[in-house]
Amino acid sequence: MRNSTIALALATLGLTAVAATLLDATLRRHAEASDLRDRADLVRRYGLTDLCLFTEARYTRHLSQTDLHAPFQDHPVSLDHFPSGSLVGPPPGWRDHD
C-alpha cells in the first residue's frame, strides 16, 4: 500500500469524524431546544442573575455586577493577579470615550 493511499484514508477518516461531530451537535441542539426554552422561562420568571463564568476573582464572577476598581485594589497600575482578568475585556462603554 502506498503512503499517499494511507494519508488519503486517514484524511477521509478525520473528515468523516468532523462531519459526524457537527451532525451530532446539530441533532442535540434541536433535541434540547425545548429544554433551553424552559430554562429561559425560569430565568425570566425568577429574575436569575448572570452565569458565573470564573470563580477566582470577585470582579470576574458576575461581570454585570462588578466593582470597577477591584482589579486595581493594590495599585492603580498594578497587574492583574488572576488569569480570568485577561480573558474578559473592558465594558463596551469604556471604549467610546475619546
N, C-alpha and C. Protein backbone atom coordinates (compact mmCIF):
# COMPACT_ATOMS: atom_id res chain seq x y z
N MET A 1 0.84 -1.17 0.00
CA MET A 1 0.00 0.00 0.00
C MET A 1 0.89 1.23 0.00
N ARG A 2 0.55 2.21 -0.84
CA ARG A 2 1.36 3.43 -0.94
C ARG A 2 1.08 4.36 0.23
N ASN A 3 2.07 5.19 0.54
CA ASN A 3 1.92 6.16 1.62
C ASN A 3 0.82 7.17 1.33
N SER A 4 0.66 7.54 0.07
CA SER A 4 -0.39 8.50 -0.28
C SER A 4 -1.78 7.91 -0.06
N THR A 5 -1.94 6.62 -0.26
CA THR A 5 -3.22 5.97 -0.01
C THR A 5 -3.54 5.97 1.49
N ILE A 6 -2.54 5.71 2.28
CA ILE A 6 -2.73 5.74 3.74
C ILE A 6 -3.08 7.15 4.20
N ALA A 7 -2.38 8.15 3.66
CA ALA A 7 -2.65 9.54 4.03
C ALA A 7 -4.07 9.94 3.61
N LEU A 8 -4.48 9.53 2.43
CA LEU A 8 -5.83 9.85 1.97
C LEU A 8 -6.88 9.16 2.84
N ALA A 9 -6.62 7.92 3.23
CA ALA A 9 -7.56 7.20 4.09
C ALA A 9 -7.66 7.87 5.46
N LEU A 10 -6.54 8.30 6.03
CA LEU A 10 -6.56 8.99 7.32
C LEU A 10 -7.26 10.34 7.23
N ALA A 11 -7.03 11.06 6.14
CA ALA A 11 -7.71 12.35 5.95
C ALA A 11 -9.22 12.14 5.80
N THR A 12 -9.61 11.12 5.07
CA THR A 12 -11.04 10.82 4.91
C THR A 12 -11.66 10.43 6.24
N LEU A 13 -10.94 9.63 7.01
CA LEU A 13 -11.43 9.24 8.33
C LEU A 13 -11.58 10.46 9.24
N GLY A 14 -10.62 11.35 9.20
CA GLY A 14 -10.69 12.56 10.02
C GLY A 14 -11.84 13.46 9.61
N LEU A 15 -12.03 13.65 8.31
CA LEU A 15 -13.15 14.47 7.83
C LEU A 15 -14.50 13.84 8.17
N THR A 16 -14.56 12.53 8.12
CA THR A 16 -15.79 11.84 8.49
C THR A 16 -16.08 12.04 9.98
N ALA A 17 -15.05 11.99 10.81
CA ALA A 17 -15.23 12.22 12.25
C ALA A 17 -15.70 13.65 12.51
N VAL A 18 -15.14 14.62 11.83
CA VAL A 18 -15.56 16.02 12.00
C VAL A 18 -17.01 16.18 11.55
N ALA A 19 -17.37 15.59 10.42
CA ALA A 19 -18.75 15.68 9.93
C ALA A 19 -19.71 15.02 10.91
N ALA A 20 -19.32 13.88 11.48
CA ALA A 20 -20.18 13.21 12.46
C ALA A 20 -20.35 14.05 13.71
N THR A 21 -19.29 14.74 14.13
CA THR A 21 -19.38 15.62 15.29
C THR A 21 -20.33 16.78 15.03
N LEU A 22 -20.22 17.40 13.86
CA LEU A 22 -21.13 18.50 13.51
C LEU A 22 -22.57 18.04 13.41
N LEU A 23 -22.78 16.86 12.83
CA LEU A 23 -24.13 16.32 12.73
C LEU A 23 -24.70 16.03 14.12
N ASP A 24 -23.88 15.45 15.00
CA ASP A 24 -24.33 15.17 16.36
C ASP A 24 -24.68 16.46 17.10
N ALA A 25 -23.88 17.50 16.95
CA ALA A 25 -24.16 18.77 17.61
C ALA A 25 -25.46 19.37 17.11
N THR A 26 -25.71 19.29 15.83
CA THR A 26 -26.96 19.82 15.26
C THR A 26 -28.16 19.05 15.78
N LEU A 27 -28.06 17.73 15.81
CA LEU A 27 -29.17 16.92 16.30
C LEU A 27 -29.43 17.17 17.78
N ARG A 28 -28.37 17.31 18.58
CA ARG A 28 -28.56 17.58 20.00
C ARG A 28 -29.17 18.96 20.23
N ARG A 29 -28.76 19.94 19.43
CA ARG A 29 -29.32 21.28 19.58
C ARG A 29 -30.82 21.28 19.33
N HIS A 30 -31.23 20.59 18.31
CA HIS A 30 -32.67 20.51 18.02
C HIS A 30 -33.42 19.71 19.09
N ALA A 31 -32.79 18.67 19.61
CA ALA A 31 -33.45 17.85 20.62
C ALA A 31 -33.58 18.59 21.95
N GLU A 32 -32.63 19.46 22.26
CA GLU A 32 -32.64 20.16 23.55
C GLU A 32 -33.20 21.57 23.45
N ALA A 33 -33.79 21.93 22.32
CA ALA A 33 -34.32 23.30 22.16
C ALA A 33 -35.45 23.58 23.13
N SER A 34 -36.32 22.61 23.37
CA SER A 34 -37.43 22.83 24.31
C SER A 34 -36.91 22.99 25.73
N ASP A 35 -35.87 22.24 26.10
CA ASP A 35 -35.27 22.37 27.42
C ASP A 35 -34.66 23.76 27.59
N LEU A 36 -34.03 24.27 26.55
CA LEU A 36 -33.45 25.61 26.60
C LEU A 36 -34.53 26.67 26.76
N ARG A 37 -35.65 26.49 26.07
CA ARG A 37 -36.77 27.43 26.22
C ARG A 37 -37.32 27.39 27.64
N ASP A 38 -37.40 26.19 28.22
CA ASP A 38 -37.88 26.07 29.60
C ASP A 38 -36.94 26.77 30.58
N ARG A 39 -35.65 26.63 30.37
CA ARG A 39 -34.68 27.29 31.25
C ARG A 39 -34.75 28.81 31.09
N ALA A 40 -34.91 29.27 29.86
CA ALA A 40 -35.04 30.71 29.63
C ALA A 40 -36.29 31.25 30.31
N ASP A 41 -37.35 30.47 30.32
CA ASP A 41 -38.58 30.88 31.00
C ASP A 41 -38.36 30.97 32.51
N LEU A 42 -37.61 30.02 33.09
CA LEU A 42 -37.29 30.06 34.51
C LEU A 42 -36.46 31.30 34.86
N VAL A 43 -35.50 31.61 34.01
CA VAL A 43 -34.66 32.79 34.25
C VAL A 43 -35.51 34.05 34.22
N ARG A 44 -36.40 34.13 33.26
CA ARG A 44 -37.27 35.29 33.14
C ARG A 44 -38.24 35.38 34.32
N ARG A 45 -38.81 34.26 34.70
CA ARG A 45 -39.81 34.24 35.77
C ARG A 45 -39.21 34.60 37.13
N TYR A 46 -38.06 34.03 37.45
CA TYR A 46 -37.48 34.24 38.77
C TYR A 46 -36.43 35.34 38.81
N GLY A 47 -36.11 35.93 37.68
CA GLY A 47 -35.13 37.02 37.64
C GLY A 47 -33.75 36.59 38.08
N LEU A 48 -33.28 35.45 37.57
CA LEU A 48 -31.97 34.94 37.96
C LEU A 48 -30.86 35.82 37.43
N THR A 49 -29.74 35.83 38.12
CA THR A 49 -28.62 36.66 37.72
C THR A 49 -27.80 35.98 36.62
N ASP A 50 -26.74 36.65 36.25
CA ASP A 50 -25.88 36.15 35.18
C ASP A 50 -25.16 34.88 35.59
N LEU A 51 -24.67 34.18 34.59
CA LEU A 51 -23.90 32.96 34.80
C LEU A 51 -22.55 33.30 35.40
N CYS A 52 -22.09 32.53 36.34
CA CYS A 52 -20.77 32.70 36.95
C CYS A 52 -19.75 31.99 36.06
N LEU A 53 -18.97 32.76 35.33
CA LEU A 53 -18.01 32.17 34.40
C LEU A 53 -16.68 31.83 35.05
N PHE A 54 -16.24 32.67 35.97
CA PHE A 54 -14.96 32.46 36.63
C PHE A 54 -15.18 32.49 38.13
N THR A 55 -14.43 31.70 38.87
CA THR A 55 -14.62 31.63 40.32
C THR A 55 -13.47 32.21 41.11
N GLU A 56 -12.41 32.65 40.46
CA GLU A 56 -11.23 33.00 41.22
C GLU A 56 -11.23 34.43 41.76
N ALA A 57 -11.74 35.38 41.04
CA ALA A 57 -11.70 36.77 41.48
C ALA A 57 -13.11 37.33 41.60
N ARG A 58 -13.34 38.14 42.61
CA ARG A 58 -14.70 38.62 42.85
C ARG A 58 -15.20 39.53 41.74
N TYR A 59 -14.31 40.20 41.02
CA TYR A 59 -14.74 41.09 39.94
C TYR A 59 -14.94 40.36 38.62
N THR A 60 -14.66 39.06 38.56
CA THR A 60 -14.94 38.30 37.35
C THR A 60 -16.04 37.27 37.54
N ARG A 61 -16.62 37.18 38.73
CA ARG A 61 -17.67 36.20 38.97
C ARG A 61 -18.95 36.58 38.23
N HIS A 62 -19.41 37.77 38.45
CA HIS A 62 -20.61 38.27 37.77
C HIS A 62 -20.24 39.59 37.12
N LEU A 63 -20.03 39.55 35.81
CA LEU A 63 -19.49 40.70 35.10
C LEU A 63 -20.45 41.89 35.10
N SER A 64 -21.74 41.63 35.23
CA SER A 64 -22.69 42.75 35.24
C SER A 64 -22.75 43.43 36.60
N GLN A 65 -22.17 42.81 37.63
CA GLN A 65 -22.25 43.35 38.97
C GLN A 65 -20.85 43.60 39.55
N THR A 66 -19.92 43.94 38.72
CA THR A 66 -18.54 44.06 39.17
C THR A 66 -18.24 45.45 39.71
N ASP A 67 -17.28 45.53 40.60
CA ASP A 67 -16.76 46.78 41.10
C ASP A 67 -15.64 47.20 40.15
N LEU A 68 -15.75 48.38 39.56
CA LEU A 68 -14.82 48.78 38.51
C LEU A 68 -13.39 48.99 39.02
N HIS A 69 -13.21 49.17 40.32
CA HIS A 69 -11.88 49.42 40.86
C HIS A 69 -11.25 48.17 41.47
N ALA A 70 -11.98 47.08 41.52
CA ALA A 70 -11.48 45.87 42.17
C ALA A 70 -10.20 45.31 41.54
N PRO A 71 -10.04 45.31 40.21
CA PRO A 71 -8.79 44.75 39.67
C PRO A 71 -7.56 45.56 40.08
N PHE A 72 -7.75 46.83 40.44
CA PHE A 72 -6.62 47.70 40.76
C PHE A 72 -6.59 48.02 42.26
N GLN A 73 -7.02 47.07 43.09
CA GLN A 73 -7.12 47.35 44.52
C GLN A 73 -5.76 47.50 45.19
N ASP A 74 -4.71 46.91 44.64
CA ASP A 74 -3.39 47.05 45.25
C ASP A 74 -2.70 48.34 44.82
N HIS A 75 -2.84 48.69 43.54
CA HIS A 75 -2.19 49.87 43.00
C HIS A 75 -2.91 50.24 41.71
N PRO A 76 -3.05 51.52 41.37
CA PRO A 76 -3.82 51.90 40.17
C PRO A 76 -3.31 51.29 38.86
N VAL A 77 -2.02 51.02 38.75
CA VAL A 77 -1.49 50.43 37.52
C VAL A 77 -0.91 49.04 37.77
N SER A 78 -1.39 48.36 38.81
CA SER A 78 -0.86 47.03 39.11
C SER A 78 -1.38 46.01 38.10
N LEU A 79 -0.64 44.95 37.95
CA LEU A 79 -1.04 43.87 37.06
C LEU A 79 -2.10 43.03 37.73
N ASP A 80 -2.93 42.43 36.92
CA ASP A 80 -4.00 41.59 37.45
C ASP A 80 -3.41 40.28 37.97
N HIS A 81 -3.87 39.82 39.13
CA HIS A 81 -3.34 38.61 39.75
C HIS A 81 -3.93 37.33 39.14
N PHE A 82 -5.11 37.45 38.54
CA PHE A 82 -5.84 36.27 38.12
C PHE A 82 -5.89 36.19 36.59
N PRO A 83 -5.77 35.00 36.02
CA PRO A 83 -5.79 34.86 34.56
C PRO A 83 -7.13 35.24 33.94
N SER A 84 -8.23 35.10 34.66
CA SER A 84 -9.53 35.41 34.07
C SER A 84 -9.67 36.90 33.78
N GLY A 85 -8.95 37.74 34.49
CA GLY A 85 -8.99 39.17 34.22
C GLY A 85 -8.45 39.51 32.84
N SER A 86 -7.56 38.70 32.32
CA SER A 86 -7.03 38.95 30.99
C SER A 86 -7.93 38.38 29.89
N LEU A 87 -8.86 37.50 30.26
CA LEU A 87 -9.78 36.93 29.27
C LEU A 87 -11.01 37.79 29.05
N VAL A 88 -11.33 38.63 30.00
CA VAL A 88 -12.52 39.47 29.92
C VAL A 88 -12.08 40.89 29.59
N GLY A 89 -12.61 41.44 28.53
CA GLY A 89 -12.25 42.79 28.12
C GLY A 89 -12.99 43.84 28.92
N PRO A 90 -12.63 45.10 28.71
CA PRO A 90 -13.32 46.18 29.42
C PRO A 90 -14.75 46.32 28.91
N PRO A 91 -15.63 46.93 29.69
CA PRO A 91 -17.00 47.12 29.25
C PRO A 91 -17.07 47.96 27.98
N PRO A 92 -18.10 47.76 27.15
CA PRO A 92 -18.20 48.49 25.89
C PRO A 92 -18.23 50.00 26.07
N GLY A 93 -18.80 50.51 27.14
CA GLY A 93 -18.87 51.95 27.37
C GLY A 93 -17.52 52.59 27.56
N TRP A 94 -16.53 51.84 28.01
CA TRP A 94 -15.21 52.40 28.23
C TRP A 94 -14.48 52.67 26.92
N ARG A 95 -14.82 51.97 25.87
CA ARG A 95 -14.14 52.14 24.58
C ARG A 95 -14.63 53.36 23.82
N ASP A 96 -15.79 53.90 24.21
CA ASP A 96 -16.38 55.02 23.46
C ASP A 96 -15.82 56.38 23.88
N HIS A 97 -15.10 56.44 25.00
CA HIS A 97 -14.57 57.71 25.47
C HIS A 97 -13.39 58.15 24.62
N ASP A 98 -13.34 59.43 24.28
CA ASP A 98 -12.23 59.96 23.48
C ASP A 98 -11.22 60.66 24.33
